[in-house]
Amino acid sequence: MQKIDELITQNRLDEAIRLLGKQVDAGNADDNTYFTMGKLLWRLGRRSEAMDAYNRAVSINPDSPANVAIEQARAIFDFYNPDLLNP
């Protein structure tokens, strides 16, 4: 996880996501792996993929901080009103 943290600090998010994906592929992923992946995907604007990662984290650990991220994401989605953008 140290290498991933370094990549995040350097704003090399795509590389960090790739490393997290390798952990998933190797079967070494826990809820924190998916939660971190979700946060990075969200930062890159890949909202649907982020929600999938958050949901996977919660399926592994119902007490995961991904629960809060899901609630916050839903609040953002509920707030968004495309009609306001088209006068």
C-alpha atoms as a PDB file:
ATOM      1  CA  MET A   1       0.000   0.000   0.000  1.00  0.00           C
ATOM      2  CA  GLN A   2       2.993   2.290   0.492  1.00  0.00           C
ATOM      3  CA  LYS A   3       3.677   2.432  -3.258  1.00  0.00           C
ATOM      4  CA  ILE A   4       0.035   3.278  -3.904  1.00  0.00           C
ATOM      5  CA  ASP A   5       0.151   6.065  -1.303  1.00  0.00           C
ATOM      6  CA  GLU A   6       3.270   7.459  -2.984  1.00  0.00           C
ATOM      7  CA  LEU A   7       1.543   7.459  -6.381  1.00  0.00           C
ATOM      8  CA  ILE A   8      -1.477   9.227  -4.907  1.00  0.00           C
ATOM      9  CA  THR A   9       0.785  11.847  -3.302  1.00  0.00           C
ATOM     10  CA  GLN A  10       2.411  12.400  -6.695  1.00  0.00           C
ATOM     11  CA  ASN A  11      -1.071  12.675  -8.280  1.00  0.00           C
ATOM     12  CA  ARG A  12      -0.389   9.631 -10.451  1.00  0.00           C
ATOM     13  CA  LEU A  13      -3.895   8.332  -9.915  1.00  0.00           C
ATOM     14  CA  ASP A  14      -4.176   6.114 -12.999  1.00  0.00           C
ATOM     15  CA  GLU A  15      -1.063   4.224 -11.948  1.00  0.00           C
ATOM     16  CA  ALA A  16      -2.396   3.832  -8.408  1.00  0.00           C
ATOM     17  CA  ILE A  17      -5.668   2.448  -9.798  1.00  0.00           C
ATOM     18  CA  ARG A  18      -3.731  -0.029 -11.926  1.00  0.00           C
ATOM     19  CA  LEU A  19      -1.838  -1.285  -8.864  1.00  0.00           C
ATOM     20  CA  LEU A  20      -5.069  -1.615  -6.921  1.00  0.00           C
ATOM     21  CA  GLY A  21      -6.539  -3.510  -9.867  1.00  0.00           C
ATOM     22  CA  LYS A  22      -3.622  -5.919  -9.735  1.00  0.00           C
ATOM     23  CA  GLN A  23      -4.411  -6.582  -6.070  1.00  0.00           C
ATOM     24  CA  VAL A  24      -8.009  -7.307  -7.042  1.00  0.00           C
ATOM     25  CA  ASP A  25      -6.936  -9.609  -9.867  1.00  0.00           C
ATOM     26  CA  ALA A  26      -4.574 -11.474  -7.537  1.00  0.00           C
ATOM     27  CA  GLY A  27      -7.356 -11.980  -4.999  1.00  0.00           C
ATOM     28  CA  ASN A  28      -5.563  -9.819  -2.414  1.00  0.00           C
ATOM     29  CA  ALA A  29      -8.208  -7.109  -2.179  1.00  0.00           C
ATOM     30  CA  ASP A  30      -9.958  -6.121   1.024  1.00  0.00           C
ATOM     31  CA  ASP A  31     -12.596  -3.473   1.652  1.00  0.00           C
ATOM     32  CA  ASN A  32      -9.910  -0.780   1.980  1.00  0.00           C
ATOM     33  CA  THR A  33      -8.572  -1.667  -1.476  1.00  0.00           C
ATOM     34  CA  TYR A  34     -11.991  -1.121  -3.024  1.00  0.00           C
ATOM     35  CA  PHE A  35     -12.648   2.008  -0.949  1.00  0.00           C
ATOM     36  CA  THR A  36      -9.350   3.556  -2.053  1.00  0.00           C
ATOM     37  CA  MET A  37     -10.034   2.593  -5.650  1.00  0.00           C
ATOM     38  CA  GLY A  38     -13.465   4.205  -5.397  1.00  0.00           C
ATOM     39  CA  LYS A  39     -12.018   7.450  -4.062  1.00  0.00           C
ATOM     40  CA  LEU A  40      -9.491   7.620  -6.888  1.00  0.00           C
ATOM     41  CA  LEU A  41     -12.068   6.806  -9.548  1.00  0.00           C
ATOM     42  CA  TRP A  42     -14.354   9.499  -8.129  1.00  0.00           C
ATOM     43  CA  ARG A  43     -11.532  12.052  -8.295  1.00  0.00           C
ATOM     44  CA  LEU A  44     -11.041  11.158 -11.954  1.00  0.00           C
ATOM     45  CA  GLY A  45     -14.737  11.676 -12.694  1.00  0.00           C
ATOM     46  CA  ARG A  46     -15.430   7.981 -13.222  1.00  0.00           C
ATOM     47  CA  ARG A  47     -18.493   8.077 -10.973  1.00  0.00           C
ATOM     48  CA  SER A  48     -20.162   4.819 -11.975  1.00  0.00           C
ATOM     49  CA  GLU A  49     -16.975   2.810 -11.494  1.00  0.00           C
ATOM     50  CA  ALA A  50     -16.405   4.551  -8.164  1.00  0.00           C
ATOM     51  CA  MET A  51     -19.865   3.564  -6.951  1.00  0.00           C
ATOM     52  CA  ASP A  52     -19.191  -0.035  -7.991  1.00  0.00           C
ATOM     53  CA  ALA A  53     -15.961  -0.027  -5.979  1.00  0.00           C
ATOM     54  CA  TYR A  54     -17.687   1.516  -2.954  1.00  0.00           C
ATOM     55  CA  ASN A  55     -20.461  -1.071  -3.116  1.00  0.00           C
ATOM     56  CA  ARG A  56     -17.918  -3.872  -3.320  1.00  0.00           C
ATOM     57  CA  ALA A  57     -16.141  -2.497  -0.245  1.00  0.00           C
ATOM     58  CA  VAL A  58     -19.424  -2.488   1.677  1.00  0.00           C
ATOM     59  CA  SER A  59     -20.206  -6.032   0.554  1.00  0.00           C
ATOM     60  CA  ILE A  60     -16.909  -7.155   2.088  1.00  0.00           C
ATOM     61  CA  ASN A  61     -17.225  -5.053   5.240  1.00  0.00           C
ATOM     62  CA  PRO A  62     -20.598  -3.488   6.070  1.00  0.00           C
ATOM     63  CA  ASP A  63     -18.831  -1.068   8.442  1.00  0.00           C
ATOM     64  CA  SER A  64     -16.502   0.223   5.726  1.00  0.00           C
ATOM     65  CA  PRO A  65     -16.073   3.992   5.357  1.00  0.00           C
ATOM     66  CA  ALA A  66     -17.371   3.400   1.839  1.00  0.00           C
ATOM     67  CA  ASN A  67     -20.859   3.645   3.384  1.00  0.00           C
ATOM     68  CA  VAL A  68     -20.285   7.346   4.003  1.00  0.00           C
ATOM     69  CA  ALA A  69     -18.886   7.796   0.490  1.00  0.00           C
ATOM     70  CA  ILE A  70     -22.003   6.162  -0.973  1.00  0.00           C
ATOM     71  CA  GLU A  71     -24.271   8.447   1.062  1.00  0.00           C
ATOM     72  CA  GLN A  72     -22.312  11.506  -0.039  1.00  0.00           C
ATOM     73  CA  ALA A  73     -22.379  10.420  -3.676  1.00  0.00           C
ATOM     74  CA  ARG A  74     -26.145   9.889  -3.532  1.00  0.00           C
ATOM     75  CA  ALA A  75     -26.573  13.358  -2.047  1.00  0.00           C
ATOM     76  CA  ILE A  76     -24.577  14.793  -4.939  1.00  0.00           C
ATOM     77  CA  PHE A  77     -26.615  12.836  -7.489  1.00  0.00           C
ATOM     78  CA  ASP A  78     -29.869  13.992  -5.850  1.00  0.00           C
ATOM     79  CA  PHE A  79     -28.715  17.603  -5.903  1.00  0.00           C
ATOM     80  CA  TYR A  80     -27.800  17.538  -9.592  1.00  0.00           C
ATOM     81  CA  ASN A  81     -30.592  18.936 -11.758  1.00  0.00           C
ATOM     82  CA  PRO A  82     -29.918  18.910 -15.511  1.00  0.00           C
ATOM     83  CA  ASP A  83     -32.953  21.158 -16.116  1.00  0.00           C
ATOM     84  CA  LEU A  84     -31.081  24.018 -14.465  1.00  0.00           C
ATOM     85  CA  LEU A  85     -28.438  23.731 -17.165  1.00  0.00           C
ATOM     86  CA  ASN A  86     -30.931  24.070 -20.039  1.00  0.00           C
ATOM     87  CA  PRO A  87     -32.866  27.351 -19.749  1.00  0.00           C
END
